[in-house]
N, C-alpha and C. Protein backbone atom coordinates (compact mmCIF):
# COMPACT_ATOMS: atom_id res chain seq x y z
N MET A 1 1.50 -33.15 -35.52
CA MET A 1 0.89 -34.47 -35.58
C MET A 1 1.91 -35.50 -35.09
N SER A 2 1.43 -36.41 -34.31
CA SER A 2 2.30 -37.45 -33.78
C SER A 2 2.04 -38.77 -34.50
N LEU A 3 3.00 -39.67 -34.34
CA LEU A 3 2.84 -41.01 -34.90
C LEU A 3 1.61 -41.68 -34.29
N LYS A 4 1.34 -41.39 -33.03
CA LYS A 4 0.17 -41.96 -32.35
C LYS A 4 -1.11 -41.59 -33.09
N GLU A 5 -1.23 -40.34 -33.53
CA GLU A 5 -2.44 -39.92 -34.26
C GLU A 5 -2.60 -40.70 -35.56
N ILE A 6 -1.49 -40.98 -36.22
CA ILE A 6 -1.55 -41.76 -37.46
C ILE A 6 -2.00 -43.19 -37.15
N LEU A 7 -1.41 -43.79 -36.14
CA LEU A 7 -1.72 -45.18 -35.80
C LEU A 7 -3.13 -45.34 -35.23
N TYR A 8 -3.67 -44.29 -34.61
CA TYR A 8 -5.00 -44.36 -34.00
C TYR A 8 -6.12 -43.92 -34.94
N ARG A 9 -5.78 -43.40 -36.11
CA ARG A 9 -6.82 -42.91 -37.03
C ARG A 9 -7.72 -44.06 -37.45
N ARG A 10 -9.01 -43.81 -37.41
CA ARG A 10 -10.00 -44.80 -37.84
C ARG A 10 -11.03 -44.10 -38.73
N SER A 11 -11.71 -44.88 -39.53
CA SER A 11 -12.79 -44.34 -40.36
C SER A 11 -14.00 -44.08 -39.46
N ILE A 12 -14.42 -42.83 -39.41
CA ILE A 12 -15.55 -42.43 -38.57
C ILE A 12 -16.73 -42.09 -39.47
N ARG A 13 -17.85 -42.75 -39.20
CA ARG A 13 -19.04 -42.61 -40.05
C ARG A 13 -20.23 -41.99 -39.32
N LYS A 14 -20.07 -41.65 -38.06
CA LYS A 14 -21.16 -41.04 -37.29
C LYS A 14 -20.66 -39.73 -36.71
N TYR A 15 -21.49 -38.68 -36.88
CA TYR A 15 -21.07 -37.33 -36.50
C TYR A 15 -22.16 -36.65 -35.67
N THR A 16 -21.73 -35.72 -34.83
CA THR A 16 -22.69 -34.89 -34.11
C THR A 16 -23.22 -33.84 -35.08
N PRO A 17 -24.30 -33.16 -34.74
CA PRO A 17 -24.82 -32.11 -35.62
C PRO A 17 -23.96 -30.83 -35.63
N GLU A 18 -22.99 -30.74 -34.72
CA GLU A 18 -22.17 -29.53 -34.63
C GLU A 18 -21.47 -29.25 -35.96
N LEU A 19 -21.55 -28.02 -36.41
CA LEU A 19 -20.92 -27.63 -37.67
C LEU A 19 -19.41 -27.56 -37.51
N VAL A 20 -18.72 -27.76 -38.61
CA VAL A 20 -17.26 -27.62 -38.66
C VAL A 20 -16.97 -26.20 -39.12
N SER A 21 -16.07 -25.54 -38.44
CA SER A 21 -15.78 -24.14 -38.76
C SER A 21 -15.10 -24.01 -40.12
N ASP A 22 -15.26 -22.85 -40.73
CA ASP A 22 -14.58 -22.57 -41.99
C ASP A 22 -13.07 -22.64 -41.80
N GLU A 23 -12.59 -22.21 -40.64
CA GLU A 23 -11.15 -22.26 -40.35
C GLU A 23 -10.64 -23.70 -40.35
N ASP A 24 -11.40 -24.60 -39.72
CA ASP A 24 -11.00 -26.01 -39.71
C ASP A 24 -11.03 -26.59 -41.12
N MET A 25 -12.05 -26.24 -41.90
CA MET A 25 -12.12 -26.74 -43.27
C MET A 25 -10.93 -26.25 -44.09
N GLU A 26 -10.56 -25.00 -43.90
CA GLU A 26 -9.40 -24.48 -44.62
C GLU A 26 -8.13 -25.22 -44.22
N GLU A 27 -7.99 -25.54 -42.94
CA GLU A 27 -6.81 -26.28 -42.51
C GLU A 27 -6.78 -27.68 -43.13
N LEU A 28 -7.93 -28.32 -43.24
CA LEU A 28 -7.97 -29.63 -43.89
C LEU A 28 -7.53 -29.51 -45.35
N LEU A 29 -8.00 -28.47 -46.02
CA LEU A 29 -7.63 -28.27 -47.42
C LEU A 29 -6.16 -27.92 -47.57
N ARG A 30 -5.63 -27.14 -46.65
CA ARG A 30 -4.20 -26.83 -46.68
C ARG A 30 -3.37 -28.11 -46.55
N ALA A 31 -3.80 -28.99 -45.65
CA ALA A 31 -3.10 -30.26 -45.47
C ALA A 31 -3.19 -31.11 -46.74
N ALA A 32 -4.38 -31.16 -47.34
CA ALA A 32 -4.55 -31.95 -48.56
C ALA A 32 -3.64 -31.43 -49.67
N MET A 33 -3.57 -30.11 -49.80
CA MET A 33 -2.76 -29.51 -50.87
C MET A 33 -1.27 -29.54 -50.56
N ALA A 34 -0.89 -29.94 -49.36
CA ALA A 34 0.52 -30.09 -49.01
C ALA A 34 1.05 -31.47 -49.41
N ALA A 35 0.18 -32.31 -49.95
CA ALA A 35 0.59 -33.67 -50.34
C ALA A 35 1.61 -33.63 -51.46
N PRO A 36 2.47 -34.64 -51.51
CA PRO A 36 3.40 -34.73 -52.64
C PRO A 36 2.63 -35.11 -53.90
N SER A 37 3.18 -34.72 -55.04
CA SER A 37 2.60 -35.13 -56.32
C SER A 37 3.74 -35.29 -57.33
N ALA A 38 3.54 -36.21 -58.26
CA ALA A 38 4.58 -36.50 -59.25
C ALA A 38 4.91 -35.24 -60.04
N GLY A 39 6.16 -34.86 -60.04
CA GLY A 39 6.59 -33.66 -60.76
C GLY A 39 6.00 -32.39 -60.17
N ASN A 40 5.50 -32.46 -58.94
CA ASN A 40 4.84 -31.33 -58.29
C ASN A 40 3.68 -30.78 -59.13
N ALA A 41 3.00 -31.68 -59.84
CA ALA A 41 1.92 -31.27 -60.75
C ALA A 41 0.68 -30.78 -60.02
N GLN A 42 0.43 -31.29 -58.82
CA GLN A 42 -0.74 -30.90 -58.03
C GLN A 42 -2.03 -30.92 -58.87
N PRO A 43 -2.39 -32.09 -59.41
CA PRO A 43 -3.53 -32.16 -60.33
C PRO A 43 -4.88 -32.26 -59.64
N TRP A 44 -5.06 -31.53 -58.56
CA TRP A 44 -6.27 -31.68 -57.75
C TRP A 44 -7.12 -30.43 -57.69
N TYR A 45 -8.39 -30.68 -57.44
CA TYR A 45 -9.38 -29.65 -57.13
C TYR A 45 -10.23 -30.21 -55.99
N PHE A 46 -10.85 -29.32 -55.24
CA PHE A 46 -11.63 -29.73 -54.07
C PHE A 46 -12.97 -29.00 -54.09
N VAL A 47 -14.03 -29.73 -53.78
CA VAL A 47 -15.37 -29.15 -53.70
C VAL A 47 -15.87 -29.35 -52.27
N ILE A 48 -16.11 -28.25 -51.56
CA ILE A 48 -16.65 -28.32 -50.20
C ILE A 48 -18.16 -28.47 -50.30
N LEU A 49 -18.70 -29.45 -49.60
CA LEU A 49 -20.14 -29.70 -49.61
C LEU A 49 -20.69 -29.54 -48.20
N THR A 50 -21.61 -28.60 -48.05
CA THR A 50 -22.27 -28.39 -46.75
C THR A 50 -23.80 -28.35 -46.89
N GLU A 51 -24.30 -28.29 -48.12
CA GLU A 51 -25.75 -28.25 -48.33
C GLU A 51 -26.33 -29.65 -48.12
N ARG A 52 -27.30 -29.73 -47.23
CA ARG A 52 -27.91 -31.01 -46.88
C ARG A 52 -28.45 -31.73 -48.10
N ARG A 53 -29.10 -31.01 -49.03
CA ARG A 53 -29.69 -31.67 -50.20
C ARG A 53 -28.62 -32.38 -51.05
N LEU A 54 -27.42 -31.80 -51.13
CA LEU A 54 -26.34 -32.42 -51.90
C LEU A 54 -25.80 -33.65 -51.19
N LEU A 55 -25.58 -33.54 -49.89
CA LEU A 55 -25.08 -34.68 -49.13
C LEU A 55 -26.08 -35.83 -49.15
N GLU A 56 -27.37 -35.51 -49.07
CA GLU A 56 -28.40 -36.55 -49.13
C GLU A 56 -28.47 -37.17 -50.52
N ALA A 57 -28.31 -36.37 -51.55
CA ALA A 57 -28.34 -36.90 -52.92
C ALA A 57 -27.19 -37.88 -53.15
N ILE A 58 -26.03 -37.55 -52.60
CA ILE A 58 -24.88 -38.46 -52.73
C ILE A 58 -25.18 -39.77 -52.01
N ALA A 59 -25.73 -39.68 -50.81
CA ALA A 59 -26.08 -40.89 -50.05
C ALA A 59 -27.12 -41.72 -50.81
N ASP A 60 -27.98 -41.08 -51.57
CA ASP A 60 -29.01 -41.79 -52.34
C ASP A 60 -28.42 -42.61 -53.48
N PHE A 61 -27.38 -42.10 -54.16
CA PHE A 61 -26.86 -42.84 -55.31
C PHE A 61 -25.62 -43.68 -55.02
N HIS A 62 -24.90 -43.37 -53.96
CA HIS A 62 -23.66 -44.10 -53.68
C HIS A 62 -23.93 -45.14 -52.59
N PRO A 63 -23.73 -46.42 -52.89
CA PRO A 63 -24.08 -47.46 -51.93
C PRO A 63 -23.26 -47.47 -50.64
N TYR A 64 -22.12 -46.78 -50.64
CA TYR A 64 -21.26 -46.77 -49.45
C TYR A 64 -21.13 -45.39 -48.83
N ALA A 65 -22.03 -44.49 -49.16
CA ALA A 65 -21.95 -43.11 -48.66
C ALA A 65 -23.13 -42.74 -47.76
N ALA A 66 -23.71 -43.72 -47.09
CA ALA A 66 -24.86 -43.42 -46.22
C ALA A 66 -24.51 -42.38 -45.16
N MET A 67 -23.27 -42.37 -44.69
CA MET A 67 -22.88 -41.43 -43.64
C MET A 67 -22.94 -39.98 -44.11
N ALA A 68 -22.87 -39.75 -45.41
CA ALA A 68 -22.94 -38.38 -45.94
C ALA A 68 -24.28 -37.73 -45.60
N ARG A 69 -25.31 -38.54 -45.48
CA ARG A 69 -26.65 -38.02 -45.17
C ARG A 69 -26.67 -37.23 -43.86
N HIS A 70 -25.83 -37.60 -42.90
CA HIS A 70 -25.83 -36.96 -41.59
C HIS A 70 -24.54 -36.20 -41.29
N ALA A 71 -23.61 -36.20 -42.22
CA ALA A 71 -22.35 -35.47 -42.00
C ALA A 71 -22.60 -33.97 -42.14
N PRO A 72 -21.98 -33.16 -41.29
CA PRO A 72 -22.14 -31.72 -41.44
C PRO A 72 -21.45 -31.18 -42.69
N ALA A 73 -20.47 -31.93 -43.19
CA ALA A 73 -19.74 -31.46 -44.37
C ALA A 73 -19.02 -32.63 -45.03
N ALA A 74 -18.61 -32.40 -46.25
CA ALA A 74 -17.78 -33.36 -46.97
C ALA A 74 -16.92 -32.57 -47.95
N ILE A 75 -15.81 -33.16 -48.31
CA ILE A 75 -14.96 -32.58 -49.35
C ILE A 75 -14.84 -33.61 -50.46
N LEU A 76 -15.17 -33.20 -51.66
CA LEU A 76 -14.99 -34.03 -52.83
C LEU A 76 -13.63 -33.69 -53.42
N VAL A 77 -12.78 -34.70 -53.54
CA VAL A 77 -11.45 -34.53 -54.11
C VAL A 77 -11.54 -34.94 -55.58
N CYS A 78 -11.13 -34.04 -56.46
CA CYS A 78 -11.23 -34.27 -57.90
C CYS A 78 -9.86 -34.14 -58.54
N GLY A 79 -9.69 -34.79 -59.68
CA GLY A 79 -8.43 -34.74 -60.39
C GLY A 79 -8.59 -34.23 -61.80
N ASP A 80 -7.52 -33.60 -62.28
CA ASP A 80 -7.45 -33.15 -63.67
C ASP A 80 -6.22 -33.79 -64.29
N PRO A 81 -6.39 -34.94 -64.96
CA PRO A 81 -5.24 -35.62 -65.55
C PRO A 81 -4.45 -34.77 -66.55
N SER A 82 -5.07 -33.73 -67.12
CA SER A 82 -4.34 -32.89 -68.07
C SER A 82 -3.23 -32.08 -67.38
N LEU A 83 -3.28 -31.98 -66.07
CA LEU A 83 -2.24 -31.26 -65.33
C LEU A 83 -1.04 -32.13 -64.99
N GLU A 84 -1.15 -33.42 -65.25
CA GLU A 84 -0.05 -34.34 -64.92
C GLU A 84 1.20 -34.03 -65.72
N LYS A 85 2.33 -34.25 -65.10
CA LYS A 85 3.61 -34.20 -65.82
C LYS A 85 4.04 -35.60 -66.22
N TYR A 86 3.57 -36.59 -65.46
CA TYR A 86 3.90 -37.99 -65.71
C TYR A 86 2.58 -38.77 -65.78
N PRO A 87 2.15 -39.13 -66.99
CA PRO A 87 0.84 -39.75 -67.18
C PRO A 87 0.59 -40.95 -66.26
N GLY A 88 -0.61 -40.96 -65.70
CA GLY A 88 -1.05 -42.07 -64.87
C GLY A 88 -0.82 -41.89 -63.38
N PHE A 89 -0.07 -40.87 -62.99
CA PHE A 89 0.25 -40.70 -61.58
C PHE A 89 -0.77 -39.86 -60.81
N TRP A 90 -1.76 -39.31 -61.50
CA TRP A 90 -2.73 -38.46 -60.80
C TRP A 90 -3.46 -39.22 -59.70
N VAL A 91 -3.67 -40.52 -59.89
CA VAL A 91 -4.37 -41.32 -58.87
C VAL A 91 -3.54 -41.38 -57.59
N GLN A 92 -2.23 -41.56 -57.73
CA GLN A 92 -1.37 -41.56 -56.54
C GLN A 92 -1.34 -40.18 -55.90
N ASP A 93 -1.27 -39.15 -56.73
CA ASP A 93 -1.24 -37.78 -56.21
C ASP A 93 -2.49 -37.49 -55.37
N LEU A 94 -3.66 -37.83 -55.91
CA LEU A 94 -4.91 -37.56 -55.20
C LEU A 94 -5.04 -38.45 -53.97
N SER A 95 -4.54 -39.68 -54.04
CA SER A 95 -4.57 -40.55 -52.87
C SER A 95 -3.77 -39.95 -51.72
N ALA A 96 -2.62 -39.37 -52.04
CA ALA A 96 -1.81 -38.71 -51.00
C ALA A 96 -2.57 -37.52 -50.42
N ALA A 97 -3.26 -36.77 -51.26
CA ALA A 97 -4.03 -35.62 -50.78
C ALA A 97 -5.17 -36.07 -49.86
N VAL A 98 -5.85 -37.15 -50.23
CA VAL A 98 -6.95 -37.66 -49.40
C VAL A 98 -6.41 -38.12 -48.05
N GLU A 99 -5.30 -38.84 -48.05
CA GLU A 99 -4.74 -39.30 -46.78
C GLU A 99 -4.32 -38.12 -45.90
N ASN A 100 -3.72 -37.10 -46.50
CA ASN A 100 -3.38 -35.90 -45.71
C ASN A 100 -4.64 -35.28 -45.11
N LEU A 101 -5.70 -35.24 -45.89
CA LEU A 101 -6.96 -34.68 -45.40
C LEU A 101 -7.48 -35.49 -44.21
N LEU A 102 -7.44 -36.81 -44.31
CA LEU A 102 -7.90 -37.68 -43.22
C LEU A 102 -7.05 -37.48 -41.97
N LEU A 103 -5.74 -37.39 -42.14
CA LEU A 103 -4.86 -37.21 -40.99
C LEU A 103 -5.03 -35.84 -40.36
N ALA A 104 -5.28 -34.82 -41.18
CA ALA A 104 -5.53 -33.48 -40.64
C ALA A 104 -6.81 -33.48 -39.82
N ALA A 105 -7.84 -34.17 -40.31
CA ALA A 105 -9.09 -34.26 -39.56
C ALA A 105 -8.84 -34.93 -38.21
N GLN A 106 -8.09 -36.01 -38.21
CA GLN A 106 -7.75 -36.71 -36.97
C GLN A 106 -7.02 -35.77 -36.01
N SER A 107 -6.07 -35.01 -36.52
CA SER A 107 -5.28 -34.14 -35.65
C SER A 107 -6.12 -33.01 -35.05
N LYS A 108 -7.22 -32.66 -35.70
CA LYS A 108 -8.10 -31.60 -35.21
C LYS A 108 -9.25 -32.15 -34.36
N GLY A 109 -9.24 -33.45 -34.12
CA GLY A 109 -10.30 -34.05 -33.32
C GLY A 109 -11.58 -34.29 -34.09
N LEU A 110 -11.49 -34.26 -35.42
CA LEU A 110 -12.65 -34.52 -36.27
C LEU A 110 -12.63 -35.97 -36.73
N GLY A 111 -13.78 -36.48 -37.09
CA GLY A 111 -13.87 -37.81 -37.66
C GLY A 111 -14.11 -37.69 -39.15
N ALA A 112 -13.55 -38.63 -39.91
CA ALA A 112 -13.69 -38.59 -41.37
C ALA A 112 -13.58 -40.01 -41.92
N VAL A 113 -14.04 -40.16 -43.15
CA VAL A 113 -13.96 -41.45 -43.82
C VAL A 113 -13.74 -41.22 -45.32
N TRP A 114 -12.97 -42.09 -45.94
CA TRP A 114 -12.68 -42.04 -47.38
C TRP A 114 -13.74 -42.87 -48.09
N VAL A 115 -14.47 -42.23 -49.00
CA VAL A 115 -15.49 -42.91 -49.80
C VAL A 115 -15.05 -42.82 -51.26
N GLY A 116 -14.78 -43.97 -51.87
CA GLY A 116 -14.29 -43.98 -53.25
C GLY A 116 -15.37 -43.61 -54.26
N ILE A 117 -14.97 -42.83 -55.23
CA ILE A 117 -15.84 -42.48 -56.36
C ILE A 117 -15.23 -43.11 -57.62
N TYR A 118 -14.04 -42.66 -58.00
CA TYR A 118 -13.30 -43.22 -59.12
C TYR A 118 -12.66 -44.53 -58.67
N PRO A 119 -12.64 -45.57 -59.50
CA PRO A 119 -12.90 -45.65 -60.93
C PRO A 119 -14.29 -46.16 -61.31
N THR A 120 -15.24 -46.18 -60.39
CA THR A 120 -16.58 -46.66 -60.71
C THR A 120 -17.30 -45.61 -61.55
N GLU A 121 -17.44 -45.89 -62.84
CA GLU A 121 -17.93 -44.90 -63.80
C GLU A 121 -19.31 -44.35 -63.43
N GLU A 122 -20.20 -45.19 -62.94
CA GLU A 122 -21.54 -44.72 -62.57
C GLU A 122 -21.46 -43.66 -61.48
N ARG A 123 -20.60 -43.87 -60.48
CA ARG A 123 -20.44 -42.89 -59.41
C ARG A 123 -19.81 -41.61 -59.93
N VAL A 124 -18.83 -41.75 -60.80
CA VAL A 124 -18.17 -40.57 -61.39
C VAL A 124 -19.20 -39.73 -62.13
N GLU A 125 -20.01 -40.36 -62.96
CA GLU A 125 -20.99 -39.63 -63.77
C GLU A 125 -22.08 -39.00 -62.91
N LYS A 126 -22.56 -39.72 -61.92
CA LYS A 126 -23.61 -39.14 -61.06
C LYS A 126 -23.08 -37.96 -60.27
N MET A 127 -21.84 -38.03 -59.82
CA MET A 127 -21.24 -36.92 -59.10
C MET A 127 -21.05 -35.72 -60.03
N ARG A 128 -20.59 -35.99 -61.25
CA ARG A 128 -20.45 -34.91 -62.24
C ARG A 128 -21.79 -34.21 -62.47
N GLU A 129 -22.81 -35.01 -62.66
CA GLU A 129 -24.15 -34.46 -62.93
C GLU A 129 -24.67 -33.65 -61.75
N LEU A 130 -24.56 -34.19 -60.56
CA LEU A 130 -25.08 -33.53 -59.36
C LEU A 130 -24.41 -32.19 -59.10
N LEU A 131 -23.10 -32.13 -59.33
CA LEU A 131 -22.33 -30.93 -58.95
C LEU A 131 -21.86 -30.11 -60.14
N ALA A 132 -22.35 -30.43 -61.34
CA ALA A 132 -21.98 -29.70 -62.57
C ALA A 132 -20.47 -29.64 -62.75
N ILE A 133 -19.82 -30.78 -62.58
CA ILE A 133 -18.36 -30.87 -62.73
C ILE A 133 -18.01 -31.00 -64.20
N PRO A 134 -17.05 -30.22 -64.68
CA PRO A 134 -16.68 -30.28 -66.10
C PRO A 134 -16.18 -31.67 -66.51
N PRO A 135 -16.32 -32.02 -67.78
CA PRO A 135 -15.96 -33.36 -68.24
C PRO A 135 -14.48 -33.71 -68.11
N ASN A 136 -13.61 -32.70 -68.06
CA ASN A 136 -12.18 -32.98 -67.94
C ASN A 136 -11.74 -33.21 -66.49
N ILE A 137 -12.65 -33.00 -65.55
CA ILE A 137 -12.34 -33.17 -64.13
C ILE A 137 -12.96 -34.48 -63.65
N ILE A 138 -12.19 -35.28 -62.92
CA ILE A 138 -12.66 -36.58 -62.47
C ILE A 138 -12.91 -36.56 -60.96
N PRO A 139 -14.17 -36.75 -60.55
CA PRO A 139 -14.45 -36.91 -59.12
C PRO A 139 -13.77 -38.19 -58.63
N PHE A 140 -12.90 -38.06 -57.66
CA PHE A 140 -12.05 -39.17 -57.23
C PHE A 140 -12.49 -39.80 -55.91
N ALA A 141 -12.69 -38.97 -54.89
CA ALA A 141 -13.05 -39.49 -53.57
C ALA A 141 -13.84 -38.45 -52.81
N LEU A 142 -14.75 -38.93 -52.00
CA LEU A 142 -15.53 -38.07 -51.11
C LEU A 142 -15.05 -38.32 -49.69
N VAL A 143 -14.86 -37.24 -48.93
CA VAL A 143 -14.47 -37.37 -47.53
C VAL A 143 -15.51 -36.66 -46.66
N PRO A 144 -16.54 -37.40 -46.20
CA PRO A 144 -17.47 -36.82 -45.23
C PRO A 144 -16.74 -36.67 -43.89
N PHE A 145 -17.04 -35.60 -43.15
CA PHE A 145 -16.35 -35.39 -41.88
C PHE A 145 -17.20 -34.55 -40.95
N GLY A 146 -16.82 -34.57 -39.70
CA GLY A 146 -17.51 -33.79 -38.68
C GLY A 146 -16.97 -34.13 -37.31
N HIS A 147 -17.63 -33.61 -36.30
CA HIS A 147 -17.25 -33.93 -34.93
C HIS A 147 -17.77 -35.34 -34.65
N PRO A 148 -16.90 -36.24 -34.20
CA PRO A 148 -17.30 -37.65 -34.09
C PRO A 148 -18.37 -37.90 -33.04
N ALA A 149 -19.33 -38.75 -33.41
CA ALA A 149 -20.36 -39.21 -32.48
C ALA A 149 -20.11 -40.67 -32.14
N GLU A 150 -18.95 -41.17 -32.51
CA GLU A 150 -18.57 -42.53 -32.18
C GLU A 150 -17.06 -42.55 -31.93
N THR A 151 -16.64 -43.49 -31.13
CA THR A 151 -15.21 -43.70 -30.92
C THR A 151 -14.91 -45.15 -31.27
N LYS A 152 -13.74 -45.35 -31.79
CA LYS A 152 -13.32 -46.70 -32.14
C LYS A 152 -11.93 -46.92 -31.54
N PRO A 153 -11.68 -48.10 -31.03
CA PRO A 153 -10.35 -48.37 -30.51
C PRO A 153 -9.34 -48.43 -31.66
N PRO A 154 -8.08 -48.16 -31.36
CA PRO A 154 -7.08 -48.27 -32.42
C PRO A 154 -7.03 -49.71 -32.94
N ALA A 155 -6.76 -49.85 -34.21
CA ALA A 155 -6.67 -51.17 -34.82
C ALA A 155 -5.19 -51.47 -35.09
N GLU A 156 -4.71 -52.57 -34.58
CA GLU A 156 -3.32 -52.96 -34.83
C GLU A 156 -3.29 -53.65 -36.18
N ARG A 157 -2.68 -53.02 -37.15
CA ARG A 157 -2.68 -53.56 -38.51
C ARG A 157 -1.30 -54.01 -38.98
N PHE A 158 -0.30 -53.77 -38.15
CA PHE A 158 1.05 -54.17 -38.55
C PHE A 158 1.11 -55.68 -38.66
N ASN A 159 1.60 -56.17 -39.79
CA ASN A 159 1.69 -57.60 -40.05
C ASN A 159 3.08 -57.90 -40.60
N PRO A 160 4.00 -58.37 -39.77
CA PRO A 160 5.36 -58.61 -40.25
C PRO A 160 5.43 -59.65 -41.36
N ALA A 161 4.42 -60.51 -41.50
CA ALA A 161 4.42 -61.49 -42.58
C ALA A 161 4.28 -60.83 -43.95
N ARG A 162 3.89 -59.56 -43.97
CA ARG A 162 3.75 -58.83 -45.23
C ARG A 162 4.98 -57.98 -45.55
N VAL A 163 6.03 -58.15 -44.78
CA VAL A 163 7.24 -57.33 -44.95
C VAL A 163 8.39 -58.24 -45.37
N PHE A 164 9.08 -57.85 -46.43
CA PHE A 164 10.26 -58.58 -46.90
C PHE A 164 11.43 -57.62 -46.96
N ARG A 165 12.61 -58.16 -46.89
CA ARG A 165 13.81 -57.33 -46.92
C ARG A 165 14.71 -57.78 -48.06
N ASN A 166 15.12 -56.82 -48.87
CA ASN A 166 16.06 -57.06 -49.97
C ASN A 166 15.56 -58.10 -50.96
N GLY A 167 14.29 -58.07 -51.26
CA GLY A 167 13.69 -58.98 -52.22
C GLY A 167 12.49 -59.67 -51.60
N TRP A 168 11.76 -60.41 -52.42
CA TRP A 168 10.52 -61.00 -51.95
C TRP A 168 10.73 -62.06 -50.88
N SER A 169 11.74 -62.90 -51.03
CA SER A 169 11.93 -63.97 -50.05
C SER A 169 12.87 -63.57 -48.92
N GLY A 170 13.47 -62.38 -49.05
CA GLY A 170 14.24 -61.77 -47.98
C GLY A 170 15.51 -62.43 -47.63
């Protein structure tokens, strides 16, 4: 992966009907699980979603997951806070895993988007109910992905006004 791929990554919400191979999905999961975690706790679980009825059900209850209705696949990233070594860091751990997943998709020529589930309790509960997720596991983020049916130009987001050196006033 090059720095260019990181800088050019965009949220892709439109996909072709072409299926994503099991090999590509495994590579995305390998990348997600390579993320750093506090104390190397790795408090994550992943649910691969390819059944149309499940993806459509998610789009029905989540106001920002309309793209799931047409995505060939999605990965639900879940956390188990009981696996933490340092309380409260599971959110950072899972965020790193989601970003790795997004970057891996970009490097493979796939499009993906991060759809938040946690901390909105209604979304957490509906996802638990839909997928029979145990009560100790927290649905954190959904990543719909597929072969992109849209292209977006890179977005220049670097803002030097947001950077300080050796303290806030620098």
